[in-house]
Amino acid sequence: MTQRVNSLEHQLKNMQGLAGQKSIAFKDLCMFPDVHFPLGFKIPKFGKYDRHDDPISQLKRYCNQLIGAGRNEELLMAYFVESLMGVASKWFMDQDTSRWYVWDDMARAFVKQFQYNNYIAPNRNSLSNLKKKPTESYREYAIKWREQAARVKPPMDDHGLIIVFLQAQEPGYFQSMMSVVATSQARGGA
């Protein structure tokens, strides 16, 4: 009989959209229910992490925004989700926070989950293979290329940037540049 009642309760929860959720009470939904704000604390607007960046950089940005929170690790953990979006936010919400006793536990779990971004950072070879799409202007392409170049470690000097950028160009780029130079020289000589 008890088994039938439990089965009926489970079916009822499924119909109500609560499958797998014990309760919708605040104490059961809140990941950090005992967090207390310091006097005068205001939640800052966080830059959002979308899983495509270095997780350590995100942790640094987040901590710098919460310098005024002091050493309240529960507060730091509770509002970290506000700095996440998309897959990263979903990852956080799916975590069993009872395993996180201190900030370092949560930060380690976050870095472990998203550390693959550090392994796929561009290098000189990938930059030389980054070609302009037919739908983008040279300006859009150059900005995108430079953003990727800024992620290369160790950073490249200006001379290295120029060489790799030129290696990435299609033959049409040089023809376009030569016609621009020829046109500007013709105007200057007239």
N, C-alpha and C. Protein backbone atom coordinates (compact mmCIF):
# COMPACT_ATOMS: atom_id res chain seq x y z
N MET A 1 0.83 -1.20 0.00
CA MET A 1 0.00 0.00 0.00
C MET A 1 0.87 1.27 0.00
N THR A 2 1.91 1.28 0.82
CA THR A 2 2.81 2.43 0.89
C THR A 2 3.47 2.68 -0.47
N GLN A 3 3.82 1.59 -1.12
CA GLN A 3 4.46 1.71 -2.43
C GLN A 3 3.50 2.33 -3.45
N ARG A 4 2.25 2.00 -3.39
CA ARG A 4 1.25 2.57 -4.31
C ARG A 4 1.06 4.05 -4.04
N VAL A 5 1.04 4.44 -2.77
CA VAL A 5 0.89 5.85 -2.40
C VAL A 5 2.09 6.65 -2.92
N ASN A 6 3.28 6.09 -2.71
CA ASN A 6 4.49 6.77 -3.20
C ASN A 6 4.47 6.90 -4.72
N SER A 7 4.02 5.86 -5.40
CA SER A 7 3.92 5.91 -6.85
C SER A 7 2.92 6.97 -7.30
N LEU A 8 1.78 7.04 -6.62
CA LEU A 8 0.78 8.07 -6.95
C LEU A 8 1.33 9.47 -6.70
N GLU A 9 2.06 9.65 -5.59
CA GLU A 9 2.68 10.95 -5.30
C GLU A 9 3.67 11.33 -6.40
N HIS A 10 4.45 10.36 -6.83
CA HIS A 10 5.44 10.62 -7.89
C HIS A 10 4.74 11.01 -9.19
N GLN A 11 3.66 10.30 -9.53
CA GLN A 11 2.92 10.63 -10.74
C GLN A 11 2.30 12.02 -10.65
N LEU A 12 1.80 12.36 -9.48
CA LEU A 12 1.22 13.69 -9.27
C LEU A 12 2.27 14.77 -9.42
N LYS A 13 3.45 14.55 -8.86
CA LYS A 13 4.55 15.51 -9.01
C LYS A 13 4.94 15.67 -10.48
N ASN A 14 4.97 14.55 -11.22
CA ASN A 14 5.29 14.62 -12.65
C ASN A 14 4.28 15.48 -13.39
N MET A 15 3.01 15.33 -13.06
CA MET A 15 1.97 16.12 -13.71
C MET A 15 2.09 17.59 -13.34
N GLN A 16 2.58 17.88 -12.14
CA GLN A 16 2.72 19.26 -11.69
C GLN A 16 4.06 19.85 -12.10
N GLY A 17 4.90 19.08 -12.73
CA GLY A 17 6.20 19.59 -13.17
C GLY A 17 7.25 19.59 -12.08
N LEU A 18 7.09 18.79 -11.05
CA LEU A 18 8.04 18.77 -9.94
C LEU A 18 8.84 17.48 -9.89
N ALA A 19 8.91 16.76 -10.99
CA ALA A 19 9.63 15.48 -11.00
C ALA A 19 11.07 15.68 -10.56
N GLY A 20 11.50 14.86 -9.64
CA GLY A 20 12.88 14.93 -9.16
C GLY A 20 13.13 16.03 -8.15
N GLN A 21 12.21 16.92 -7.92
CA GLN A 21 12.38 18.01 -6.97
C GLN A 21 11.62 17.65 -5.70
N LYS A 22 12.32 17.67 -4.56
CA LYS A 22 11.69 17.31 -3.30
C LYS A 22 10.60 18.28 -2.91
N SER A 23 10.90 19.55 -3.07
CA SER A 23 10.00 20.57 -2.56
C SER A 23 10.24 21.87 -3.30
N ILE A 24 9.25 22.75 -3.26
CA ILE A 24 9.44 24.08 -3.82
C ILE A 24 9.51 25.13 -2.72
N ALA A 25 9.73 24.67 -1.50
CA ALA A 25 9.88 25.60 -0.37
C ALA A 25 11.21 26.34 -0.50
N PHE A 26 11.26 27.58 -0.03
CA PHE A 26 12.46 28.41 -0.11
C PHE A 26 13.68 27.69 0.43
N LYS A 27 13.54 27.07 1.59
CA LYS A 27 14.70 26.42 2.23
C LYS A 27 15.25 25.28 1.38
N ASP A 28 14.40 24.68 0.55
CA ASP A 28 14.84 23.58 -0.30
C ASP A 28 15.36 24.05 -1.66
N LEU A 29 14.90 25.19 -2.11
CA LEU A 29 15.33 25.71 -3.40
C LEU A 29 16.59 26.56 -3.30
N CYS A 30 16.75 27.27 -2.21
CA CYS A 30 17.88 28.18 -2.05
C CYS A 30 19.15 27.38 -1.81
N MET A 31 20.15 27.64 -2.62
CA MET A 31 21.40 26.89 -2.52
C MET A 31 22.21 27.30 -1.29
N PHE A 32 22.07 28.54 -0.85
CA PHE A 32 22.80 29.06 0.30
C PHE A 32 21.83 29.85 1.18
N PRO A 33 20.92 29.18 1.89
CA PRO A 33 19.86 29.88 2.62
C PRO A 33 20.33 30.71 3.82
N ASP A 34 21.52 30.47 4.33
CA ASP A 34 21.96 31.17 5.54
C ASP A 34 22.86 32.36 5.26
N VAL A 35 22.91 32.82 4.02
CA VAL A 35 23.76 33.95 3.67
C VAL A 35 23.15 35.24 4.21
N HIS A 36 23.99 36.06 4.85
CA HIS A 36 23.56 37.36 5.37
C HIS A 36 24.40 38.44 4.70
N PHE A 37 23.74 39.49 4.27
CA PHE A 37 24.44 40.60 3.63
C PHE A 37 25.14 41.46 4.66
N PRO A 38 26.34 41.93 4.35
CA PRO A 38 26.97 42.93 5.21
C PRO A 38 26.15 44.22 5.14
N LEU A 39 26.20 45.01 6.16
CA LEU A 39 25.46 46.26 6.22
C LEU A 39 25.81 47.14 5.01
N GLY A 40 24.80 47.59 4.29
CA GLY A 40 24.99 48.46 3.13
C GLY A 40 25.41 47.74 1.86
N PHE A 41 25.43 46.41 1.86
CA PHE A 41 25.86 45.65 0.69
C PHE A 41 24.85 45.77 -0.44
N LYS A 42 25.35 46.05 -1.63
CA LYS A 42 24.52 46.07 -2.83
C LYS A 42 25.12 45.11 -3.83
N ILE A 43 24.28 44.30 -4.44
CA ILE A 43 24.76 43.32 -5.40
C ILE A 43 25.22 44.05 -6.67
N PRO A 44 26.48 43.88 -7.05
CA PRO A 44 26.96 44.54 -8.27
C PRO A 44 26.41 43.85 -9.52
N LYS A 45 26.53 44.55 -10.64
CA LYS A 45 26.19 43.94 -11.93
C LYS A 45 27.44 43.22 -12.41
N PHE A 46 27.31 41.93 -12.57
CA PHE A 46 28.46 41.11 -12.91
C PHE A 46 28.60 40.95 -14.42
N GLY A 47 29.86 40.89 -14.87
CA GLY A 47 30.13 40.48 -16.23
C GLY A 47 29.81 38.99 -16.32
N LYS A 48 29.17 38.59 -17.38
CA LYS A 48 28.69 37.21 -17.50
C LYS A 48 29.71 36.29 -18.16
N TYR A 49 29.88 35.12 -17.58
CA TYR A 49 30.74 34.07 -18.13
C TYR A 49 29.85 33.12 -18.91
N ASP A 50 30.23 32.85 -20.16
CA ASP A 50 29.39 32.00 -21.00
C ASP A 50 30.08 30.70 -21.40
N ARG A 51 31.13 30.33 -20.72
CA ARG A 51 31.91 29.10 -20.89
C ARG A 51 32.98 29.19 -21.98
N HIS A 52 33.16 30.31 -22.62
CA HIS A 52 34.14 30.40 -23.70
C HIS A 52 35.43 31.11 -23.28
N ASP A 53 35.58 31.40 -22.03
CA ASP A 53 36.74 32.16 -21.58
C ASP A 53 37.51 31.34 -20.56
N ASP A 54 38.63 31.84 -20.16
CA ASP A 54 39.44 31.21 -19.13
C ASP A 54 38.69 31.30 -17.80
N PRO A 55 38.42 30.17 -17.13
CA PRO A 55 37.66 30.21 -15.87
C PRO A 55 38.39 30.96 -14.76
N ILE A 56 39.71 30.93 -14.76
CA ILE A 56 40.47 31.66 -13.73
C ILE A 56 40.24 33.16 -13.90
N SER A 57 40.21 33.62 -15.15
CA SER A 57 39.96 35.05 -15.39
C SER A 57 38.58 35.44 -14.88
N GLN A 58 37.60 34.57 -15.07
CA GLN A 58 36.25 34.87 -14.57
C GLN A 58 36.24 34.95 -13.04
N LEU A 59 36.93 34.05 -12.38
CA LEU A 59 37.00 34.07 -10.92
C LEU A 59 37.65 35.37 -10.43
N LYS A 60 38.70 35.80 -11.12
CA LYS A 60 39.38 37.05 -10.74
C LYS A 60 38.45 38.24 -10.90
N ARG A 61 37.76 38.32 -12.06
CA ARG A 61 36.83 39.44 -12.28
C ARG A 61 35.75 39.46 -11.20
N TYR A 62 35.20 38.29 -10.92
CA TYR A 62 34.12 38.18 -9.94
C TYR A 62 34.61 38.61 -8.55
N CYS A 63 35.74 38.11 -8.13
CA CYS A 63 36.26 38.47 -6.80
C CYS A 63 36.56 39.96 -6.71
N ASN A 64 37.08 40.54 -7.78
CA ASN A 64 37.35 41.98 -7.76
C ASN A 64 36.08 42.80 -7.64
N GLN A 65 34.98 42.28 -8.17
CA GLN A 65 33.71 43.01 -8.05
C GLN A 65 33.12 42.89 -6.64
N LEU A 66 33.53 41.89 -5.90
CA LEU A 66 32.97 41.67 -4.56
C LEU A 66 33.98 41.94 -3.45
N ILE A 67 34.92 42.81 -3.70
CA ILE A 67 35.91 43.12 -2.68
C ILE A 67 35.23 43.60 -1.40
N GLY A 68 34.16 44.36 -1.50
CA GLY A 68 33.47 44.89 -0.33
C GLY A 68 32.73 43.84 0.50
N ALA A 69 32.63 42.62 -0.01
CA ALA A 69 31.92 41.57 0.73
C ALA A 69 32.78 40.96 1.82
N GLY A 70 34.02 41.37 1.87
CA GLY A 70 34.89 40.84 2.92
C GLY A 70 35.21 39.38 2.68
N ARG A 71 35.30 38.66 3.74
CA ARG A 71 35.65 37.24 3.65
C ARG A 71 34.44 36.33 3.85
N ASN A 72 33.28 36.82 3.50
CA ASN A 72 32.06 36.04 3.64
C ASN A 72 31.99 35.05 2.48
N GLU A 73 32.56 33.87 2.67
CA GLU A 73 32.66 32.89 1.59
C GLU A 73 31.30 32.40 1.12
N GLU A 74 30.34 32.27 2.01
CA GLU A 74 29.01 31.85 1.59
C GLU A 74 28.39 32.88 0.66
N LEU A 75 28.59 34.15 0.95
CA LEU A 75 28.08 35.20 0.08
C LEU A 75 28.76 35.12 -1.28
N LEU A 76 30.07 34.93 -1.29
CA LEU A 76 30.80 34.81 -2.54
C LEU A 76 30.28 33.63 -3.36
N MET A 77 30.03 32.50 -2.71
CA MET A 77 29.53 31.33 -3.42
C MET A 77 28.09 31.53 -3.88
N ALA A 78 27.27 32.14 -3.03
CA ALA A 78 25.85 32.30 -3.34
C ALA A 78 25.62 33.17 -4.57
N TYR A 79 26.42 34.21 -4.75
CA TYR A 79 26.19 35.13 -5.86
C TYR A 79 27.04 34.84 -7.08
N PHE A 80 27.87 33.80 -7.01
CA PHE A 80 28.69 33.47 -8.17
C PHE A 80 27.82 33.14 -9.38
N VAL A 81 26.70 32.49 -9.15
CA VAL A 81 25.81 32.13 -10.25
C VAL A 81 25.33 33.37 -11.01
N GLU A 82 25.30 34.52 -10.35
CA GLU A 82 24.88 35.76 -11.01
C GLU A 82 25.90 36.23 -12.04
N SER A 83 27.10 35.67 -12.00
CA SER A 83 28.13 36.04 -12.97
C SER A 83 28.21 35.03 -14.11
N LEU A 84 27.27 34.10 -14.15
CA LEU A 84 27.28 33.05 -15.16
C LEU A 84 26.05 33.16 -16.05
N MET A 85 26.16 32.60 -17.25
CA MET A 85 25.00 32.53 -18.13
C MET A 85 25.07 31.25 -18.95
N GLY A 86 23.96 30.88 -19.54
CA GLY A 86 23.90 29.73 -20.43
C GLY A 86 24.32 28.44 -19.76
N VAL A 87 25.19 27.70 -20.44
CA VAL A 87 25.65 26.40 -19.96
C VAL A 87 26.34 26.51 -18.61
N ALA A 88 27.10 27.57 -18.40
CA ALA A 88 27.81 27.74 -17.13
C ALA A 88 26.82 27.92 -15.98
N SER A 89 25.77 28.69 -16.21
CA SER A 89 24.75 28.88 -15.18
C SER A 89 24.02 27.57 -14.88
N LYS A 90 23.69 26.84 -15.94
CA LYS A 90 23.03 25.55 -15.75
C LYS A 90 23.92 24.59 -14.97
N TRP A 91 25.21 24.59 -15.30
CA TRP A 91 26.15 23.74 -14.57
C TRP A 91 26.09 24.06 -13.08
N PHE A 92 26.17 25.34 -12.75
CA PHE A 92 26.16 25.75 -11.34
C PHE A 92 24.88 25.30 -10.64
N MET A 93 23.74 25.51 -11.29
CA MET A 93 22.46 25.18 -10.68
C MET A 93 22.30 23.67 -10.47
N ASP A 94 22.99 22.87 -11.25
CA ASP A 94 22.90 21.42 -11.12
C ASP A 94 23.84 20.85 -10.06
N GLN A 95 24.65 21.69 -9.43
CA GLN A 95 25.64 21.20 -8.48
C GLN A 95 25.03 20.91 -7.11
N ASP A 96 25.63 19.96 -6.43
CA ASP A 96 25.28 19.66 -5.05
C ASP A 96 26.17 20.54 -4.17
N THR A 97 25.62 21.66 -3.76
CA THR A 97 26.43 22.64 -3.02
C THR A 97 26.82 22.17 -1.63
N SER A 98 26.24 21.09 -1.15
CA SER A 98 26.63 20.59 0.17
C SER A 98 28.06 20.06 0.14
N ARG A 99 28.61 19.84 -1.06
CA ARG A 99 30.01 19.41 -1.18
C ARG A 99 30.97 20.59 -1.13
N TRP A 100 30.45 21.80 -1.21
CA TRP A 100 31.28 23.00 -1.19
C TRP A 100 31.25 23.59 0.21
N TYR A 101 32.30 23.38 0.95
CA TYR A 101 32.36 23.90 2.32
C TYR A 101 32.92 25.32 2.36
N VAL A 102 33.81 25.60 1.42
CA VAL A 102 34.45 26.92 1.35
C VAL A 102 34.53 27.34 -0.11
N TRP A 103 34.87 28.61 -0.32
CA TRP A 103 34.99 29.18 -1.66
C TRP A 103 35.91 28.34 -2.54
N ASP A 104 37.03 27.90 -1.99
CA ASP A 104 38.00 27.14 -2.78
C ASP A 104 37.39 25.87 -3.38
N ASP A 105 36.48 25.22 -2.65
CA ASP A 105 35.83 24.01 -3.17
C ASP A 105 35.02 24.35 -4.41
N MET A 106 34.24 25.42 -4.33
CA MET A 106 33.41 25.82 -5.47
C MET A 106 34.29 26.28 -6.64
N ALA A 107 35.30 27.08 -6.34
CA ALA A 107 36.18 27.60 -7.39
C ALA A 107 36.91 26.46 -8.10
N ARG A 108 37.39 25.47 -7.34
CA ARG A 108 38.06 24.32 -7.95
C ARG A 108 37.11 23.56 -8.88
N ALA A 109 35.87 23.35 -8.42
CA ALA A 109 34.88 22.64 -9.25
C ALA A 109 34.61 23.41 -10.54
N PHE A 110 34.50 24.73 -10.43
CA PHE A 110 34.25 25.58 -11.60
C PHE A 110 35.41 25.50 -12.59
N VAL A 111 36.62 25.63 -12.09
CA VAL A 111 37.80 25.58 -12.96
C VAL A 111 37.92 24.20 -13.61
N LYS A 112 37.69 23.15 -12.84
CA LYS A 112 37.77 21.79 -13.38
C LYS A 112 36.76 21.61 -14.52
N GLN A 113 35.55 22.16 -14.34
CA GLN A 113 34.51 22.01 -15.36
C GLN A 113 34.84 22.76 -16.65
N PHE A 114 35.44 23.94 -16.53
CA PHE A 114 35.63 24.79 -17.72
C PHE A 114 37.10 25.00 -18.10
N GLN A 115 38.00 24.21 -17.55
CA GLN A 115 39.42 24.38 -17.84
C GLN A 115 39.78 24.04 -19.29
N TYR A 116 38.89 23.32 -19.97
CA TYR A 116 39.18 22.99 -21.37
C TYR A 116 39.40 24.25 -22.21
N ASN A 117 38.86 25.38 -21.78
CA ASN A 117 39.07 26.63 -22.52
C ASN A 117 40.54 27.02 -22.56
N ASN A 118 41.28 26.64 -21.54
CA ASN A 118 42.71 26.95 -21.52
C ASN A 118 43.48 26.10 -22.53
N TYR A 119 42.96 24.91 -22.83
CA TYR A 119 43.64 24.03 -23.75
C TYR A 119 43.35 24.38 -25.21
N ILE A 120 42.26 25.09 -25.44
CA ILE A 120 41.90 25.41 -26.83
C ILE A 120 42.22 26.86 -27.17
N ALA A 121 43.04 27.48 -26.36
CA ALA A 121 43.44 28.86 -26.66
C ALA A 121 44.21 28.86 -27.98
N PRO A 122 44.05 29.91 -28.75
CA PRO A 122 44.73 29.95 -30.05
C PRO A 122 46.25 30.00 -29.91
N ASN A 123 46.93 29.51 -30.92
CA ASN A 123 48.38 29.62 -30.98
C ASN A 123 48.74 30.25 -32.32
N ARG A 124 50.01 30.40 -32.60
CA ARG A 124 50.44 31.05 -33.84
C ARG A 124 49.92 30.31 -35.08
N ASN A 125 49.92 28.99 -35.02
CA ASN A 125 49.47 28.20 -36.16
C ASN A 125 47.97 28.41 -36.41
N SER A 126 47.16 28.37 -35.35
CA SER A 126 45.72 28.56 -35.55
C SER A 126 45.42 29.98 -36.02
N LEU A 127 46.22 30.95 -35.59
CA LEU A 127 46.02 32.33 -36.07
C LEU A 127 46.32 32.45 -37.56
N SER A 128 47.36 31.76 -38.01
CA SER A 128 47.69 31.85 -39.45
C SER A 128 46.65 31.13 -40.30
N ASN A 129 45.84 30.28 -39.68
CA ASN A 129 44.76 29.59 -40.40
C ASN A 129 43.41 30.27 -40.26
N LEU A 130 43.34 31.35 -39.50
CA LEU A 130 42.09 32.08 -39.30
C LEU A 130 41.86 33.00 -40.50
N LYS A 131 40.99 32.58 -41.38
CA LYS A 131 40.76 33.29 -42.64
C LYS A 131 39.53 34.19 -42.56
N LYS A 132 39.51 35.20 -43.41
CA LYS A 132 38.36 36.11 -43.51
C LYS A 132 37.21 35.39 -44.19
N LYS A 133 36.03 35.54 -43.60
CA LYS A 133 34.83 34.96 -44.21
C LYS A 133 34.34 35.91 -45.29
N PRO A 134 33.73 35.37 -46.33
CA PRO A 134 33.23 36.24 -47.41
C PRO A 134 32.20 37.26 -46.93
N THR A 135 31.52 36.95 -45.84
CA THR A 135 30.46 37.84 -45.34
C THR A 135 30.96 38.95 -44.43
N GLU A 136 32.24 38.92 -44.05
CA GLU A 136 32.73 39.95 -43.14
C GLU A 136 33.67 40.92 -43.83
N SER A 137 33.67 42.14 -43.33
CA SER A 137 34.57 43.16 -43.88
C SER A 137 35.99 42.90 -43.36
N TYR A 138 36.97 43.53 -43.99
CA TYR A 138 38.34 43.39 -43.50
C TYR A 138 38.46 43.93 -42.08
N ARG A 139 37.73 44.98 -41.80
CA ARG A 139 37.76 45.56 -40.44
C ARG A 139 37.24 44.56 -39.42
N GLU A 140 36.08 43.94 -39.70
CA GLU A 140 35.52 42.94 -38.79
C GLU A 140 36.48 41.77 -38.62
N TYR A 141 37.05 41.33 -39.73
CA TYR A 141 38.00 40.23 -39.68
C TYR A 141 39.23 40.59 -38.85
N ALA A 142 39.78 41.78 -39.09
CA ALA A 142 40.99 42.19 -38.37
C ALA A 142 40.73 42.29 -36.87
N ILE A 143 39.55 42.78 -36.49
CA ILE A 143 39.20 42.86 -35.07
C ILE A 143 39.10 41.46 -34.48
N LYS A 144 38.41 40.57 -35.17
CA LYS A 144 38.26 39.18 -34.69
C LYS A 144 39.64 38.52 -34.58
N TRP A 145 40.50 38.73 -35.58
CA TRP A 145 41.83 38.13 -35.58
C TRP A 145 42.64 38.67 -34.40
N ARG A 146 42.56 39.98 -34.19
CA ARG A 146 43.34 40.60 -33.09
C ARG A 146 42.86 40.11 -31.73
N GLU A 147 41.55 39.91 -31.58
CA GLU A 147 41.02 39.39 -30.32
C GLU A 147 41.58 37.99 -30.04
N GLN A 148 41.66 37.18 -31.09
CA GLN A 148 42.23 35.84 -30.92
C GLN A 148 43.73 35.93 -30.63
N ALA A 149 44.42 36.84 -31.31
CA ALA A 149 45.86 37.01 -31.10
C ALA A 149 46.16 37.43 -29.66
N ALA A 150 45.27 38.18 -29.06
CA ALA A 150 45.48 38.62 -27.67
C ALA A 150 45.43 37.46 -26.69
N ARG A 151 44.84 36.33 -27.09
CA ARG A 151 44.73 35.17 -26.22
C ARG A 151 45.92 34.22 -26.33
N VAL A 152 46.80 34.43 -27.30
CA VAL A 152 47.96 33.56 -27.49
C VAL A 152 48.91 33.71 -26.31
N LYS A 153 49.39 32.56 -25.82
CA LYS A 153 50.36 32.59 -24.71
C LYS A 153 51.58 31.81 -25.12
N PRO A 154 52.75 32.34 -24.92
CA PRO A 154 53.06 33.68 -24.44
C PRO A 154 52.68 34.72 -25.49
N PRO A 155 52.42 35.94 -25.06
CA PRO A 155 51.99 36.99 -26.00
C PRO A 155 53.04 37.23 -27.08
N MET A 156 52.56 37.60 -28.26
CA MET A 156 53.47 37.88 -29.39
C MET A 156 53.81 39.36 -29.41
N ASP A 157 55.02 39.66 -29.87
CA ASP A 157 55.39 41.06 -30.05
C ASP A 157 54.80 41.57 -31.36
N ASP A 158 54.90 42.86 -31.61
CA ASP A 158 54.30 43.46 -32.81
C ASP A 158 54.81 42.82 -34.10
N HIS A 159 56.12 42.57 -34.16
CA HIS A 159 56.70 41.98 -35.36
C HIS A 159 56.09 40.60 -35.62
N GLY A 160 55.96 39.79 -34.57
CA GLY A 160 55.36 38.46 -34.70
C GLY A 160 53.91 38.53 -35.13
N LEU A 161 53.17 39.51 -34.57
CA LEU A 161 51.77 39.69 -34.95
C LEU A 161 51.63 39.99 -36.43
N ILE A 162 52.48 40.87 -36.94
CA ILE A 162 52.42 41.26 -38.36
C ILE A 162 52.72 40.06 -39.25
N ILE A 163 53.75 39.30 -38.92
CA ILE A 163 54.12 38.14 -39.73
C ILE A 163 52.99 37.12 -39.77
N VAL A 164 52.42 36.79 -38.63
CA VAL A 164 51.36 35.78 -38.59
C VAL A 164 50.10 36.31 -39.27
N PHE A 165 49.81 37.59 -39.10
CA PHE A 165 48.63 38.16 -39.78
C PHE A 165 48.79 38.06 -41.29
N LEU A 166 49.96 38.40 -41.79
CA LEU A 166 50.19 38.32 -43.23
C LEU A 166 50.11 36.88 -43.74
N GLN A 167 50.57 35.93 -42.93
CA GLN A 167 50.47 34.52 -43.31
C GLN A 167 49.01 34.07 -43.41
N ALA A 168 48.14 34.70 -42.65
CA ALA A 168 46.73 34.31 -42.62
C ALA A 168 45.94 34.85 -43.82
N GLN A 169 46.52 35.75 -44.57
CA GLN A 169 45.77 36.41 -45.64
C GLN A 169 45.71 35.58 -46.91
N GLU A 170 44.57 35.67 -47.57
CA GLU A 170 44.38 35.05 -48.89
C GLU A 170 45.09 35.92 -49.92
N PRO A 171 45.43 35.35 -51.08
CA PRO A 171 46.09 36.14 -52.13
C PRO A 171 45.30 37.40 -52.52
N GLY A 172 43.99 37.35 -52.47
CA GLY A 172 43.17 38.51 -52.82
C GLY A 172 43.44 39.72 -51.93
N TYR A 173 43.88 39.48 -50.71
CA TYR A 173 44.17 40.56 -49.77
C TYR A 173 45.30 41.43 -50.33
N PHE A 174 46.35 40.79 -50.80
CA PHE A 174 47.50 41.53 -51.29
C PHE A 174 47.15 42.31 -52.57
N GLN A 175 46.31 41.72 -53.42
CA GLN A 175 45.87 42.43 -54.62
C GLN A 175 45.05 43.66 -54.24
N SER A 176 44.18 43.51 -53.24
CA SER A 176 43.36 44.65 -52.77
C SER A 176 44.25 45.74 -52.20
N MET A 177 45.24 45.34 -51.42
CA MET A 177 46.13 46.32 -50.80
C MET A 177 46.95 47.04 -51.86
N MET A 178 47.41 46.32 -52.87
CA MET A 178 48.20 46.95 -53.93
C MET A 178 47.36 47.96 -54.71
N SER A 179 46.09 47.64 -54.94
CA SER A 179 45.24 48.59 -55.68
C SER A 179 44.94 49.81 -54.83
N VAL A 180 44.81 49.64 -53.51
CA VAL A 180 44.59 50.78 -52.61
C VAL A 180 45.83 51.69 -52.62
N VAL A 181 46.99 51.07 -52.53
CA VAL A 181 48.25 51.84 -52.53
C VAL A 181 48.40 52.57 -53.88
N ALA A 182 48.13 51.88 -54.97
CA ALA A 182 48.27 52.50 -56.30
C ALA A 182 47.28 53.66 -56.45
N THR A 183 46.05 53.50 -55.96
CA THR A 183 45.05 54.55 -56.06
C THR A 183 45.46 55.77 -55.23
N SER A 184 45.96 55.51 -54.02
CA SER A 184 46.35 56.65 -53.16
C SER A 184 47.58 57.36 -53.73
N GLN A 185 48.49 56.62 -54.37
CA GLN A 185 49.67 57.26 -54.98
C GLN A 185 49.25 58.07 -56.19
N ALA A 186 48.29 57.56 -56.95
CA ALA A 186 47.84 58.30 -58.14
C ALA A 186 47.17 59.60 -57.73
N ARG A 187 46.42 59.58 -56.64
CA ARG A 187 45.76 60.80 -56.16
C ARG A 187 46.77 61.80 -55.64
N GLY A 188 47.80 61.28 -54.97
CA GLY A 188 48.82 62.16 -54.41
C GLY A 188 49.68 62.81 -55.47
N GLY A 189 49.86 62.14 -56.61
CA GLY A 189 50.70 62.66 -57.67
C GLY A 189 49.96 63.61 -58.60
N ALA A 190 48.63 63.64 -58.52
CA ALA A 190 47.86 64.45 -59.46
C ALA A 190 47.74 65.87 -59.07
